[in-house]
Protein backbone atom coordinates (compact mmCIF):
# COMPACT_ATOMS: atom_id res chain seq x y z
CA MET A 1 186.53 82.10 -138.65
CA THR A 2 184.49 79.47 -140.47
CA THR A 3 180.99 79.87 -141.68
CA ARG A 4 179.76 77.49 -138.94
CA GLY A 5 181.43 79.59 -136.26
CA ILE A 6 179.81 82.72 -137.60
CA VAL A 7 176.35 81.09 -137.48
CA ILE A 8 176.85 79.88 -133.87
CA CYS A 9 177.98 83.32 -132.74
CA GLY A 10 174.90 84.90 -134.34
CA LEU A 11 172.56 82.47 -132.65
CA THR A 12 174.25 83.09 -129.31
CA GLY A 13 173.81 86.87 -129.68
CA SER A 14 170.17 86.51 -130.63
CA LEU A 15 169.51 84.34 -127.56
CA ALA A 16 171.18 86.90 -125.36
CA ILE A 17 169.01 89.68 -126.77
CA VAL A 18 165.84 87.62 -126.21
CA ALA A 19 166.87 86.77 -122.64
CA GLY A 20 167.50 90.42 -121.84
CA TRP A 21 164.14 91.49 -123.17
CA VAL A 22 162.37 88.88 -120.97
CA LEU A 23 164.23 90.09 -117.88
CA LEU A 24 163.32 93.69 -118.71
CA GLN A 25 159.61 92.78 -119.00
CA LYS A 26 159.63 91.16 -115.52
CA SER A 27 161.36 94.09 -113.85
CA VAL A 28 159.17 96.87 -115.37
CA PRO A 29 155.34 96.41 -114.92
CA THR A 30 153.24 97.28 -117.88
CA THR A 31 150.23 99.58 -117.68
CA GLN A 32 146.95 97.66 -117.54
CA LYS A 33 144.49 98.70 -120.20
CA SER A 34 140.97 99.52 -118.96
CA ASP A 35 137.95 97.87 -120.44
CA THR A 36 134.26 97.81 -119.81
CA SER A 37 134.22 94.38 -118.15
CA PRO A 38 133.82 94.28 -114.33
CA SER A 39 137.03 93.86 -112.38
CA ARG A 40 137.91 93.08 -108.77
CA PRO A 41 137.96 96.31 -106.70
CA ILE A 42 141.30 97.51 -105.53
CA PRO A 43 141.43 97.88 -101.71
CA VAL A 44 141.58 101.54 -100.60
CA ARG A 45 142.97 102.67 -97.27
CA VAL A 46 140.31 104.45 -95.24
CA THR A 47 141.32 107.27 -92.92
CA GLU A 48 139.28 109.02 -90.19
CA PRO A 49 137.44 112.08 -91.53
CA PRO A 50 138.53 115.44 -90.17
CA PRO A 51 136.36 116.96 -87.44
CA PRO A 52 133.48 119.04 -88.77
CA VAL A 53 133.87 122.78 -88.83
CA LEU A 54 131.11 124.44 -86.82
CA VAL A 55 129.78 127.55 -88.47
CA SER A 56 127.25 129.78 -86.74
CA VAL A 57 124.13 130.28 -88.79
CA ALA A 58 124.12 133.90 -87.73
CA THR A 59 127.36 134.46 -89.67
CA ASN A 60 125.64 133.50 -92.91
CA PRO A 61 123.41 136.38 -93.94
CA SER A 62 121.58 134.22 -96.46
CA SER A 63 120.30 131.83 -93.75
CA PRO A 64 117.80 132.80 -91.03
CA ALA A 65 118.97 132.60 -87.43
CA PRO A 66 117.69 129.57 -85.49
CA ALA A 67 114.77 130.05 -83.12
CA LEU A 68 115.95 130.42 -79.51
CA PRO A 69 113.94 130.12 -76.27
CA VAL A 70 112.59 133.46 -75.16
CA THR A 71 113.91 134.24 -71.68
CA THR A 72 112.33 137.66 -71.31
CA ASP A 73 108.92 137.64 -69.63
CA THR A 74 106.95 139.76 -72.07
CA THR A 75 103.96 139.80 -69.72
CA ARG A 76 106.06 141.70 -67.19
CA LYS A 77 105.66 144.79 -69.36
CA ASN A 78 101.96 144.73 -68.49
CA ARG A 79 102.51 144.37 -64.74
CA GLU A 80 103.47 146.71 -61.93
CA ARG A 81 104.24 146.65 -58.23
CA LEU A 82 101.24 147.00 -55.98
CA THR A 83 101.59 149.89 -53.56
CA ILE A 84 99.91 149.30 -50.19
CA LYS A 85 99.92 152.18 -47.75
CA LEU A 86 100.86 150.85 -44.31
CA PRO A 87 99.77 152.19 -40.92
CA GLY A 88 102.32 153.04 -38.27
CA PRO A 89 103.78 150.21 -36.14
CA VAL A 90 102.33 150.07 -32.64
CA PHE A 91 103.32 147.30 -30.25
CA ILE A 92 101.93 147.30 -26.72
CA GLY A 93 103.49 145.17 -23.98
CA THR A 94 105.89 142.22 -24.26
CA PRO A 95 105.43 139.91 -27.24
CA PRO A 96 104.16 136.52 -26.06
CA ASP A 97 106.11 133.32 -26.64
CA VAL A 98 103.95 131.75 -29.35
CA ARG A 99 104.97 128.39 -30.78
CA ARG A 100 103.00 126.85 -33.63
CA ALA A 101 103.75 123.89 -35.90
CA ASN A 102 102.36 125.78 -38.89
CA LEU A 103 103.95 129.17 -38.15
CA GLU A 104 105.92 130.84 -40.94
CA PRO A 105 109.65 131.46 -40.31
CA SER A 106 110.66 134.76 -38.78
CA ARG A 107 111.37 137.49 -41.32
CA GLU A 108 113.58 139.28 -38.77
CA GLY A 109 111.90 142.62 -39.33
CA LYS A 110 112.03 142.51 -43.12
CA LEU A 111 108.95 143.47 -45.09
CA ARG A 112 107.23 140.90 -47.22
CA ASP A 113 108.08 140.75 -50.91
CA PRO A 114 105.95 143.19 -52.92
CA LEU A 115 103.17 141.87 -55.12
CA ASP A 116 103.12 142.24 -58.91
CA VAL A 117 99.69 142.90 -60.40
CA PRO A 118 98.40 143.78 -63.88
CA LYS A 119 98.59 147.44 -64.77
CA GLY A 120 95.34 149.20 -64.03
CA THR A 121 94.72 147.25 -60.82
CA ARG A 122 93.09 149.50 -58.24
CA LEU A 123 91.60 149.45 -54.76
CA LEU A 124 88.04 148.11 -55.01
CA SER A 125 86.94 147.79 -51.40
CA LEU A 126 87.08 151.34 -50.02
CA GLY A 127 83.69 152.21 -48.54
CA CYS A 128 82.00 149.01 -49.71
CA LYS A 129 79.27 147.32 -47.66
CA VAL A 130 80.35 144.85 -44.96
CA THR A 131 78.22 142.14 -43.34
CA SER A 132 79.20 139.52 -40.76
CA SER A 133 78.32 136.23 -39.09
CA ASP A 134 78.03 138.32 -35.93
CA PRO A 135 75.54 141.09 -36.78
CA ALA A 136 76.20 142.91 -33.51
CA PRO A 137 79.97 143.30 -33.02
CA LEU A 138 81.19 143.57 -29.42
CA ILE A 139 83.38 146.53 -30.37
CA GLY A 140 83.22 148.92 -33.31
CA GLU A 141 81.13 149.09 -36.46
CA LEU A 142 81.45 146.82 -39.50
CA ALA A 143 81.86 149.90 -41.71
CA ASN A 144 85.24 150.48 -40.02
CA ILE A 145 86.64 147.50 -41.93
CA THR A 146 86.52 149.34 -45.28
CA ASP A 147 86.85 152.99 -44.19
CA GLY A 148 90.55 153.25 -45.11
CA ASP A 149 91.74 153.78 -41.51
CA LYS A 150 94.25 151.04 -40.69
CA GLU A 151 95.85 152.61 -37.63
CA HIS A 152 95.68 150.63 -34.42
CA ASP A 153 93.49 152.36 -31.85
CA SER A 154 90.18 151.85 -30.09
CA THR A 155 88.22 153.63 -32.82
CA THR A 156 89.30 151.45 -35.73
CA CYS A 157 89.13 147.87 -34.40
CA VAL A 158 86.05 145.68 -34.81
CA GLU A 159 85.60 142.70 -32.47
CA LEU A 160 83.30 139.78 -33.23
CA GLY A 161 82.23 136.93 -30.97
CA ILE A 162 84.07 133.69 -30.23
CA ASN A 163 84.55 130.56 -32.35
CA THR A 164 84.71 130.73 -36.16
CA GLN A 165 83.37 134.05 -37.44
CA TRP A 166 83.43 135.79 -40.81
CA VAL A 167 83.15 139.24 -42.36
CA GLN A 168 81.99 139.71 -45.94
CA LEU A 169 82.66 142.53 -48.40
CA ASP A 170 80.24 143.36 -51.21
CA LEU A 171 82.15 144.91 -54.13
CA GLY A 172 78.88 145.94 -55.81
CA THR A 173 79.39 144.01 -59.06
CA GLU A 174 81.53 141.13 -60.21
CA LYS A 175 85.21 142.11 -60.27
CA GLU A 176 88.46 140.54 -61.39
CA ILE A 177 90.53 140.29 -58.19
CA TYR A 178 94.34 140.23 -58.14
CA ALA A 179 95.32 140.93 -54.51
CA ALA A 180 94.00 141.30 -50.97
CA CYS A 181 95.34 142.45 -47.62
CA VAL A 182 93.83 141.99 -44.16
CA TRP A 183 94.74 143.72 -40.89
CA HIS A 184 93.54 142.09 -37.70
CA CYS A 185 94.51 143.60 -34.34
CA HIS A 186 98.18 144.54 -34.88
CA GLY A 187 98.88 146.19 -31.52
CA GLU A 188 100.80 143.11 -30.36
CA ALA A 189 102.52 140.13 -31.93
CA ARG A 190 99.59 137.73 -31.88
CA VAL A 191 98.61 134.94 -34.28
CA TYR A 192 95.03 134.61 -35.51
CA ASN A 193 93.69 131.12 -36.04
CA ASP A 194 92.18 129.73 -39.25
CA VAL A 195 92.57 132.80 -41.45
CA ILE A 196 90.66 131.95 -44.63
CA CYS A 197 89.65 134.06 -47.62
CA GLN A 198 87.03 133.01 -50.16
CA ILE A 199 85.55 134.68 -53.26
CA SER A 200 82.17 134.03 -54.87
CA ASN A 201 79.29 135.56 -56.79
CA ASP A 202 76.93 133.83 -54.37
CA PRO A 203 76.27 135.99 -51.26
CA ASP A 204 75.57 132.83 -49.25
CA PHE A 205 78.85 131.22 -50.34
CA ILE A 206 77.23 127.96 -51.35
CA ASP A 207 77.70 127.91 -55.11
CA ARG A 208 81.04 128.27 -56.96
CA VAL A 209 83.21 129.34 -54.03
CA GLU A 210 86.94 129.92 -54.62
CA THR A 211 89.35 129.72 -51.66
CA VAL A 212 92.36 131.99 -52.24
CA PHE A 213 94.00 131.85 -48.77
CA ASN A 214 93.73 129.26 -46.00
CA ASN A 215 96.08 128.56 -43.07
CA ASP A 216 93.71 126.23 -41.21
CA HIS A 217 96.11 123.28 -41.39
CA ASP A 218 93.94 120.93 -39.27
CA ASP A 219 90.48 121.88 -40.65
CA THR A 220 89.09 123.00 -37.29
CA SER A 221 86.86 125.53 -39.06
CA LYS A 222 85.51 122.81 -41.40
CA LEU A 223 86.31 124.70 -44.59
CA GLY A 224 89.07 122.42 -45.80
CA ILE A 225 92.72 121.92 -44.95
CA GLY A 226 94.83 124.95 -45.85
CA ARG A 227 98.42 125.07 -47.13
CA ASP A 228 99.26 128.66 -46.16
CA LYS A 229 101.27 129.48 -43.05
CA GLU A 230 100.12 131.12 -39.85
CA TYR A 231 101.79 134.47 -39.16
CA PHE A 232 102.33 137.15 -36.52
CA GLU A 233 100.23 140.28 -36.91
CA THR A 234 102.17 143.43 -37.77
CA ASN A 235 101.32 146.82 -39.20
CA GLU A 236 101.86 145.49 -42.74
CA GLY A 237 98.88 143.14 -42.39
CA ARG A 238 98.82 140.01 -44.52
CA PRO A 239 98.92 140.77 -48.26
CA PHE A 240 98.57 137.93 -50.73
CA ALA A 241 98.15 137.53 -54.48
CA VAL A 242 94.91 136.43 -56.12
CA ASN A 243 95.19 135.10 -59.65
CA GLY A 244 92.41 137.07 -61.33
CA VAL A 245 89.57 135.25 -59.58
CA LYS A 246 86.20 136.74 -60.53
CA GLY A 247 83.56 137.47 -57.94
CA ARG A 248 81.44 140.09 -56.24
CA TYR A 249 81.74 138.95 -52.62
CA VAL A 250 84.90 138.42 -50.55
CA ARG A 251 84.64 136.63 -47.21
CA PHE A 252 87.31 136.40 -44.46
CA TYR A 253 87.17 133.87 -41.62
CA SER A 254 89.06 133.58 -38.33
CA ARG A 255 88.70 131.60 -35.09
CA GLY A 256 90.19 133.50 -32.17
CA ASN A 257 93.88 134.21 -31.69
CA SER A 258 96.89 133.32 -29.58
CA SER A 259 96.00 135.93 -26.92
CA ASN A 260 92.24 135.43 -26.52
CA THR A 261 89.11 134.02 -28.14
CA GLY A 262 88.11 137.21 -29.93
CA ASN A 263 88.03 137.81 -33.70
CA HIS A 264 89.27 141.28 -34.64
CA TYR A 265 89.48 143.28 -37.86
CA THR A 266 91.00 146.69 -38.45
CA GLU A 267 90.89 146.91 -42.25
CA ILE A 268 90.53 144.79 -45.39
CA GLU A 269 91.63 145.92 -48.83
CA ILE A 270 90.76 144.19 -52.11
CA TYR A 271 92.56 145.08 -55.34
CA GLY A 272 91.47 144.29 -58.87
CA LYS A 273 89.73 145.49 -62.01
CA ASP A 274 86.22 146.09 -63.29
CA ILE A 275 84.87 143.54 -65.73
């Protein structure tokens, strides 16, 4: 081989080596060196975050438990059921067919729900003085209304005149009243009209009078329209709650009944506390 041929072969080999190196550089990417100059951000694929893990605070002793609504009535610890001693049931004759728009639904012989009162509540009215809009009752003595005898007989009932009449109990001093119960004539299933109970420190019931029961739904007794229901008389009387109203005098009204025009009372009991 001549010297020229050797030179050409060498050049050809060198070109082949250079060409191979270029192809290798294109097929294998080089690592980009980092610098401090700002660069275009590389897009990153965003995936949905996993659902949070719920951890009860109570399981972490280092964290206080969250405040929860209190469902227990703590005031109930300071209350008790009111016990009212009932007279014996005495019904005479056939119950009349009484229909009233404001009459409470039949309880089908069931007793009324008991009343809850603050502990320490006691009977205040036994033996207290009684006055009336009718100073000369047709039957009985006003003192019978607070003598503790609730049985139905001719010696216990007090009858006042016709139209709207009232009886008033003097508790002696101002009291905090939580319940009351009234027995009219409970020898038959009759309904007394416009049964209203008011409490005041004014013996004339002019100043600061509080109405705590009123079933006069059409205001025929002119003492305001009542929201309570009329009811049939039974031996359990008509107990009702009084929300701690303060007063010395308690007055009960009525205006005849479904059997006749008379206003009758057998007993009234007032329950509360001294102030």
